[in-house]
């Protein structure tokens, strides 16, 4: 996840090396591609990327941008985080100390993963920090399952369909996520919230729809 955060901030990892977590994006790409029975040429046609580019990525000779990773994720129908997973075994219990959680930094805030490494990922809990005036954009978000937002600090405004809801510290909102929704931090100070996404379809990628649309 630290590797994922670096990509979101525009940083590139060293070529042909493993991180301390054992992450190798090229190796993950090759594994995801071969698991689906795709040749490099077939993946190039699906993703719209050059065959040589894909070969360089898989062989660790170049580091893909986050936009390229997003193209590959869509082509392979996997979440973008699939390229940054480690080979570490999944756990049944996740205990995290404050300040020591995997985090991704975005242009308008940050996302702390509360369940990184959990054996089951049907519920995806995060601590979200949103900069003042940060918003999800004009296009409503729609995905499977349910969504829960619990405001910890500041104010967060959610639109669900034609209704708007202002959440102050201690307020919560739970809804069916097939309803079109958007969010905004309307205040002049950062807002923090507990966000739990519960997609029904393993292929769904609600985290990306909320935080990687830009």
C-alpha atoms as a PDB file:
ATOM      1  CA  UNK A   1       0.000   0.000   0.000  1.00  0.00           C
ATOM      2  CA  UNK A   2       2.938   2.315   0.568  1.00  0.00           C
ATOM      3  CA  UNK A   3       3.953   1.571  -3.015  1.00  0.00           C
ATOM      4  CA  UNK A   4       0.384   2.400  -4.105  1.00  0.00           C
ATOM      5  CA  UNK A   5       0.621   5.725  -2.239  1.00  0.00           C
ATOM      6  CA  UNK A   6       3.863   6.569  -4.014  1.00  0.00           C
ATOM      7  CA  UNK A   7       2.241   6.069  -7.399  1.00  0.00           C
ATOM      8  CA  UNK A   8      -0.664   8.332  -6.473  1.00  0.00           C
ATOM      9  CA  UNK A   9       1.831  11.045  -5.552  1.00  0.00           C
ATOM     10  CA  UNK A  10       3.592  10.695  -8.920  1.00  0.00           C
ATOM     11  CA  UNK A  11       6.676   8.922  -7.552  1.00  0.00           C
ATOM     12  CA  UNK A  12       8.266   6.004  -9.395  1.00  0.00           C
ATOM     13  CA  UNK A  13       9.853   2.962  -7.703  1.00  0.00           C
ATOM     14  CA  UNK A  14      13.393   1.766  -8.573  1.00  0.00           C
ATOM     15  CA  UNK A  15      13.598  -0.373 -11.699  1.00  0.00           C
ATOM     16  CA  UNK A  16      14.081  -4.139 -11.443  1.00  0.00           C
ATOM     17  CA  UNK A  17      13.897  -4.125  -7.662  1.00  0.00           C
ATOM     18  CA  UNK A  18      11.584  -5.423  -4.995  1.00  0.00           C
ATOM     19  CA  UNK A  19      10.263  -3.211  -2.236  1.00  0.00           C
ATOM     20  CA  UNK A  20      10.618  -4.270   1.381  1.00  0.00           C
ATOM     21  CA  UNK A  21       7.066  -5.636   1.164  1.00  0.00           C
ATOM     22  CA  UNK A  22       8.076  -7.823  -1.804  1.00  0.00           C
ATOM     23  CA  UNK A  23       6.011  -5.853  -4.344  1.00  0.00           C
ATOM     24  CA  UNK A  24       6.933  -6.051  -8.026  1.00  0.00           C
ATOM     25  CA  UNK A  25       4.395  -4.390 -10.337  1.00  0.00           C
ATOM     26  CA  UNK A  26       5.751  -6.052 -13.490  1.00  0.00           C
ATOM     27  CA  UNK A  27       5.606  -9.478 -11.918  1.00  0.00           C
ATOM     28  CA  UNK A  28       2.067  -8.844 -10.701  1.00  0.00           C
ATOM     29  CA  UNK A  29       1.044  -7.735 -14.197  1.00  0.00           C
ATOM     30  CA  UNK A  30       2.453 -10.905 -15.746  1.00  0.00           C
ATOM     31  CA  UNK A  31       0.680 -13.066 -13.150  1.00  0.00           C
ATOM     32  CA  UNK A  32      -2.660 -11.303 -13.634  1.00  0.00           C
ATOM     33  CA  UNK A  33      -2.338 -11.537 -17.423  1.00  0.00           C
ATOM     34  CA  UNK A  34      -1.363 -15.228 -17.533  1.00  0.00           C
ATOM     35  CA  UNK A  35      -4.061 -16.155 -14.984  1.00  0.00           C
ATOM     36  CA  UNK A  36      -6.565 -14.873 -17.558  1.00  0.00           C
ATOM     37  CA  UNK A  37      -4.936 -16.725 -20.423  1.00  0.00           C
ATOM     38  CA  UNK A  38      -3.990 -13.528 -22.242  1.00  0.00           C
ATOM     39  CA  UNK A  39      -0.938 -12.985 -24.393  1.00  0.00           C
ATOM     40  CA  UNK A  40       0.843  -9.645 -24.236  1.00  0.00           C
ATOM     41  CA  UNK A  41      -0.555  -8.829 -27.675  1.00  0.00           C
ATOM     42  CA  UNK A  42      -4.111  -9.621 -26.541  1.00  0.00           C
ATOM     43  CA  UNK A  43      -3.735  -7.442 -23.455  1.00  0.00           C
ATOM     44  CA  UNK A  44      -2.331  -4.648 -25.619  1.00  0.00           C
ATOM     45  CA  UNK A  45      -5.433  -4.769 -27.818  1.00  0.00           C
ATOM     46  CA  UNK A  46      -7.794  -4.776 -24.833  1.00  0.00           C
ATOM     47  CA  UNK A  47      -6.000  -2.032 -22.917  1.00  0.00           C
ATOM     48  CA  UNK A  48      -4.989   0.165 -25.851  1.00  0.00           C
ATOM     49  CA  UNK A  49      -1.354   0.074 -24.703  1.00  0.00           C
ATOM     50  CA  UNK A  50       1.689  -0.724 -26.824  1.00  0.00           C
ATOM     51  CA  UNK A  51       3.039  -4.310 -26.816  1.00  0.00           C
ATOM     52  CA  UNK A  52       6.572  -3.037 -26.215  1.00  0.00           C
ATOM     53  CA  UNK A  53       5.378  -0.935 -23.282  1.00  0.00           C
ATOM     54  CA  UNK A  54       3.753  -3.961 -21.658  1.00  0.00           C
ATOM     55  CA  UNK A  55       6.882  -6.043 -22.211  1.00  0.00           C
ATOM     56  CA  UNK A  56       9.074  -3.383 -20.611  1.00  0.00           C
ATOM     57  CA  UNK A  57       6.746  -3.184 -17.581  1.00  0.00           C
ATOM     58  CA  UNK A  58       6.621  -6.954 -17.104  1.00  0.00           C
ATOM     59  CA  UNK A  59      10.402  -7.207 -17.299  1.00  0.00           C
ATOM     60  CA  UNK A  60      10.964  -4.392 -14.822  1.00  0.00           C
ATOM     61  CA  UNK A  61      12.574  -2.115 -17.386  1.00  0.00           C
ATOM     62  CA  UNK A  62      10.111   0.759 -16.905  1.00  0.00           C
ATOM     63  CA  UNK A  63       7.695   1.889 -14.190  1.00  0.00           C
ATOM     64  CA  UNK A  64       4.107   2.531 -15.332  1.00  0.00           C
ATOM     65  CA  UNK A  65       2.291   5.732 -14.432  1.00  0.00           C
ATOM     66  CA  UNK A  66      -0.891   5.572 -12.364  1.00  0.00           C
ATOM     67  CA  UNK A  67      -2.881   6.280 -15.558  1.00  0.00           C
ATOM     68  CA  UNK A  68      -1.293   3.247 -17.227  1.00  0.00           C
ATOM     69  CA  UNK A  69      -2.050   1.122 -14.158  1.00  0.00           C
ATOM     70  CA  UNK A  70      -5.673   2.291 -14.315  1.00  0.00           C
ATOM     71  CA  UNK A  71      -5.879   1.270 -17.995  1.00  0.00           C
ATOM     72  CA  UNK A  72      -4.488  -2.158 -17.159  1.00  0.00           C
ATOM     73  CA  UNK A  73      -6.834  -2.563 -14.196  1.00  0.00           C
ATOM     74  CA  UNK A  74      -9.837  -1.844 -16.408  1.00  0.00           C
ATOM     75  CA  UNK A  75      -8.579  -4.211 -19.122  1.00  0.00           C
ATOM     76  CA  UNK A  76      -7.989  -7.038 -16.614  1.00  0.00           C
ATOM     77  CA  UNK A  77     -11.112  -6.213 -14.602  1.00  0.00           C
ATOM     78  CA  UNK A  78      -9.234  -5.975 -11.300  1.00  0.00           C
ATOM     79  CA  UNK A  79      -8.897  -3.199  -8.702  1.00  0.00           C
ATOM     80  CA  UNK A  80      -5.849  -0.986  -9.134  1.00  0.00           C
ATOM     81  CA  UNK A  81      -4.540  -2.220  -5.786  1.00  0.00           C
ATOM     82  CA  UNK A  82      -4.160  -5.734  -7.283  1.00  0.00           C
ATOM     83  CA  UNK A  83      -0.856  -4.548  -8.786  1.00  0.00           C
ATOM     84  CA  UNK A  84       0.530  -3.701  -5.339  1.00  0.00           C
ATOM     85  CA  UNK A  85      -0.470  -6.781  -3.376  1.00  0.00           C
ATOM     86  CA  UNK A  86       2.253  -8.787  -1.686  1.00  0.00           C
ATOM     87  CA  UNK A  87       2.684 -12.519  -1.378  1.00  0.00           C
ATOM     88  CA  UNK A  88       2.185 -12.331   2.381  1.00  0.00           C
ATOM     89  CA  UNK A  89      -0.545 -14.678   3.642  1.00  0.00           C
ATOM     90  CA  UNK A  90      -3.924 -13.176   4.442  1.00  0.00           C
ATOM     91  CA  UNK A  91      -4.791 -12.800   8.130  1.00  0.00           C
ATOM     92  CA  UNK A  92      -7.952 -13.468  10.109  1.00  0.00           C
ATOM     93  CA  UNK A  93      -7.299 -10.602  12.548  1.00  0.00           C
ATOM     94  CA  UNK A  94      -5.868  -7.161  11.713  1.00  0.00           C
ATOM     95  CA  UNK A  95      -4.527  -5.029  14.581  1.00  0.00           C
ATOM     96  CA  UNK A  96      -3.169  -1.591  13.737  1.00  0.00           C
ATOM     97  CA  UNK A  97      -1.660   1.092  15.933  1.00  0.00           C
ATOM     98  CA  UNK A  98      -2.651   4.682  15.276  1.00  0.00           C
ATOM     99  CA  UNK A  99      -0.261   6.264  12.792  1.00  0.00           C
ATOM    100  CA  UNK A 100       0.919   2.880  11.477  1.00  0.00           C
ATOM    101  CA  UNK A 101      -1.692   2.053   8.839  1.00  0.00           C
ATOM    102  CA  UNK A 102      -1.223   1.602   5.080  1.00  0.00           C
ATOM    103  CA  UNK A 103      -2.251   4.910   3.506  1.00  0.00           C
ATOM    104  CA  UNK A 104      -2.724   6.363   0.038  1.00  0.00           C
ATOM    105  CA  UNK A 105      -2.425  10.114  -0.491  1.00  0.00           C
ATOM    106  CA  UNK A 106      -4.608  11.880  -3.051  1.00  0.00           C
ATOM    107  CA  UNK A 107      -4.622  15.437  -4.350  1.00  0.00           C
ATOM    108  CA  UNK A 108      -7.577  16.244  -2.102  1.00  0.00           C
ATOM    109  CA  UNK A 109      -6.889  14.084   0.947  1.00  0.00           C
ATOM    110  CA  UNK A 110      -5.814  10.652   2.130  1.00  0.00           C
ATOM    111  CA  UNK A 111      -7.193   7.171   2.673  1.00  0.00           C
ATOM    112  CA  UNK A 112      -6.085   4.838   5.501  1.00  0.00           C
ATOM    113  CA  UNK A 113      -6.817   1.145   4.964  1.00  0.00           C
ATOM    114  CA  UNK A 114      -8.145  -0.418   8.180  1.00  0.00           C
ATOM    115  CA  UNK A 115      -8.317  -3.977   6.817  1.00  0.00           C
ATOM    116  CA  UNK A 116      -5.169  -4.355   4.710  1.00  0.00           C
ATOM    117  CA  UNK A 117      -4.203  -8.046   4.614  1.00  0.00           C
ATOM    118  CA  UNK A 118      -7.560  -9.348   5.874  1.00  0.00           C
ATOM    119  CA  UNK A 119      -8.543 -12.760   4.523  1.00  0.00           C
ATOM    120  CA  UNK A 120     -12.024 -11.525   3.547  1.00  0.00           C
ATOM    121  CA  UNK A 121     -12.481  -8.221   1.747  1.00  0.00           C
ATOM    122  CA  UNK A 122     -16.274  -8.056   1.457  1.00  0.00           C
ATOM    123  CA  UNK A 123     -16.250  -5.085   3.845  1.00  0.00           C
ATOM    124  CA  UNK A 124     -13.674  -2.417   3.065  1.00  0.00           C
ATOM    125  CA  UNK A 125     -13.181  -0.012   6.015  1.00  0.00           C
ATOM    126  CA  UNK A 126     -11.146   3.182   5.645  1.00  0.00           C
ATOM    127  CA  UNK A 127     -10.363   6.371   7.515  1.00  0.00           C
ATOM    128  CA  UNK A 128     -10.812   9.184   4.999  1.00  0.00           C
ATOM    129  CA  UNK A 129      -9.313  12.652   5.428  1.00  0.00           C
ATOM    130  CA  UNK A 130     -10.660  15.277   3.015  1.00  0.00           C
ATOM    131  CA  UNK A 131      -9.120  18.657   2.371  1.00  0.00           C
ATOM    132  CA  UNK A 132     -11.365  21.766   2.521  1.00  0.00           C
ATOM    133  CA  UNK A 133     -13.718  21.968  -0.483  1.00  0.00           C
ATOM    134  CA  UNK A 134     -12.642  18.502  -1.717  1.00  0.00           C
ATOM    135  CA  UNK A 135     -15.374  16.764  -3.704  1.00  0.00           C
ATOM    136  CA  UNK A 136     -15.998  13.562  -5.617  1.00  0.00           C
ATOM    137  CA  UNK A 137     -16.942  15.418  -8.818  1.00  0.00           C
ATOM    138  CA  UNK A 138     -20.098  16.167 -10.771  1.00  0.00           C
ATOM    139  CA  UNK A 139     -20.661  12.580 -11.945  1.00  0.00           C
ATOM    140  CA  UNK A 140     -22.623  10.537  -9.377  1.00  0.00           C
ATOM    141  CA  UNK A 141     -21.042   7.329  -8.059  1.00  0.00           C
ATOM    142  CA  UNK A 142     -22.908   4.030  -8.347  1.00  0.00           C
ATOM    143  CA  UNK A 143     -21.737   0.606  -7.192  1.00  0.00           C
ATOM    144  CA  UNK A 144     -23.042  -2.602  -5.647  1.00  0.00           C
ATOM    145  CA  UNK A 145     -23.745  -3.292  -1.986  1.00  0.00           C
ATOM    146  CA  UNK A 146     -24.017  -0.790   0.834  1.00  0.00           C
ATOM    147  CA  UNK A 147     -22.013   2.188   2.028  1.00  0.00           C
ATOM    148  CA  UNK A 148     -21.576   3.593   5.533  1.00  0.00           C
ATOM    149  CA  UNK A 149     -20.067   6.966   6.376  1.00  0.00           C
ATOM    150  CA  UNK A 150     -19.478   8.068  10.001  1.00  0.00           C
ATOM    151  CA  UNK A 151     -18.180  11.607  10.399  1.00  0.00           C
ATOM    152  CA  UNK A 152     -15.333  11.876  12.910  1.00  0.00           C
ATOM    153  CA  UNK A 153     -14.330  15.505  12.442  1.00  0.00           C
ATOM    154  CA  UNK A 154     -15.459  18.520  10.413  1.00  0.00           C
ATOM    155  CA  UNK A 155     -18.427  18.327   8.051  1.00  0.00           C
ATOM    156  CA  UNK A 156     -19.140  16.119   5.037  1.00  0.00           C
ATOM    157  CA  UNK A 157     -22.076  16.605   2.692  1.00  0.00           C
ATOM    158  CA  UNK A 158     -23.501  13.636   0.805  1.00  0.00           C
ATOM    159  CA  UNK A 159     -25.993  13.750  -2.030  1.00  0.00           C
ATOM    160  CA  UNK A 160     -28.002  10.567  -2.530  1.00  0.00           C
ATOM    161  CA  UNK A 161     -30.327  10.908  -5.467  1.00  0.00           C
ATOM    162  CA  UNK A 162     -31.993  14.300  -5.069  1.00  0.00           C
ATOM    163  CA  UNK A 163     -31.524  14.475  -1.279  1.00  0.00           C
ATOM    164  CA  UNK A 164     -28.559  16.077   0.521  1.00  0.00           C
ATOM    165  CA  UNK A 165     -27.276  15.138   3.985  1.00  0.00           C
ATOM    166  CA  UNK A 166     -24.878  17.180   6.130  1.00  0.00           C
ATOM    167  CA  UNK A 167     -22.838  15.046   8.510  1.00  0.00           C
ATOM    168  CA  UNK A 168     -21.144  16.677  11.494  1.00  0.00           C
ATOM    169  CA  UNK A 169     -18.941  14.833  13.988  1.00  0.00           C
ATOM    170  CA  UNK A 170     -20.892  11.862  15.349  1.00  0.00           C
ATOM    171  CA  UNK A 171     -23.404  11.740  12.479  1.00  0.00           C
ATOM    172  CA  UNK A 172     -23.683   8.686  10.244  1.00  0.00           C
ATOM    173  CA  UNK A 173     -25.276   7.653   6.985  1.00  0.00           C
ATOM    174  CA  UNK A 174     -25.926   4.168   5.591  1.00  0.00           C
ATOM    175  CA  UNK A 175     -27.455   3.575   2.163  1.00  0.00           C
ATOM    176  CA  UNK A 176     -27.791   1.209  -0.770  1.00  0.00           C
ATOM    177  CA  UNK A 177     -24.884   2.070  -3.030  1.00  0.00           C
ATOM    178  CA  UNK A 178     -26.818   1.554  -6.275  1.00  0.00           C
ATOM    179  CA  UNK A 179     -28.368   4.939  -5.504  1.00  0.00           C
ATOM    180  CA  UNK A 180     -26.370   7.672  -7.296  1.00  0.00           C
ATOM    181  CA  UNK A 181     -24.285   9.542  -4.724  1.00  0.00           C
ATOM    182  CA  UNK A 182     -21.659  12.276  -4.423  1.00  0.00           C
ATOM    183  CA  UNK A 183     -19.737  13.843  -1.525  1.00  0.00           C
ATOM    184  CA  UNK A 184     -18.167  17.189  -0.590  1.00  0.00           C
ATOM    185  CA  UNK A 185     -16.240  18.743   2.277  1.00  0.00           C
ATOM    186  CA  UNK A 186     -17.989  22.145   2.337  1.00  0.00           C
ATOM    187  CA  UNK A 187     -15.929  23.529   5.222  1.00  0.00           C
ATOM    188  CA  UNK A 188     -12.699  25.498   5.463  1.00  0.00           C
ATOM    189  CA  UNK A 189     -11.010  22.796   7.572  1.00  0.00           C
ATOM    190  CA  UNK A 190     -10.164  19.147   6.853  1.00  0.00           C
ATOM    191  CA  UNK A 191     -12.876  16.558   7.498  1.00  0.00           C
ATOM    192  CA  UNK A 192     -12.293  12.988   8.684  1.00  0.00           C
ATOM    193  CA  UNK A 193     -14.659  10.050   8.484  1.00  0.00           C
ATOM    194  CA  UNK A 194     -14.929   6.299   8.830  1.00  0.00           C
ATOM    195  CA  UNK A 195     -16.001   4.913   5.459  1.00  0.00           C
ATOM    196  CA  UNK A 196     -17.084   1.298   5.022  1.00  0.00           C
ATOM    197  CA  UNK A 197     -17.746   0.010   1.516  1.00  0.00           C
ATOM    198  CA  UNK A 198     -19.513  -3.347   1.210  1.00  0.00           C
ATOM    199  CA  UNK A 199     -19.610  -4.348  -2.477  1.00  0.00           C
ATOM    200  CA  UNK A 200     -21.612  -7.449  -3.365  1.00  0.00           C
ATOM    201  CA  UNK A 201     -19.571  -8.207  -6.465  1.00  0.00           C
ATOM    202  CA  UNK A 202     -15.864  -9.067  -6.093  1.00  0.00           C
ATOM    203  CA  UNK A 203     -15.265  -7.410  -9.466  1.00  0.00           C
ATOM    204  CA  UNK A 204     -16.708  -4.104  -8.284  1.00  0.00           C
ATOM    205  CA  UNK A 205     -14.221  -1.325  -7.460  1.00  0.00           C
ATOM    206  CA  UNK A 206     -16.035   1.275  -5.325  1.00  0.00           C
ATOM    207  CA  UNK A 207     -12.798   2.641  -3.823  1.00  0.00           C
ATOM    208  CA  UNK A 208     -11.579   3.684  -7.251  1.00  0.00           C
ATOM    209  CA  UNK A 209     -14.935   5.241  -8.121  1.00  0.00           C
ATOM    210  CA  UNK A 210     -14.766   7.355  -5.001  1.00  0.00           C
ATOM    211  CA  UNK A 211     -11.094   8.328  -4.981  1.00  0.00           C
ATOM    212  CA  UNK A 212      -9.379   7.587  -8.313  1.00  0.00           C
ATOM    213  CA  UNK A 213     -11.834   9.191 -10.724  1.00  0.00           C
ATOM    214  CA  UNK A 214      -9.507  12.153 -11.234  1.00  0.00           C
END
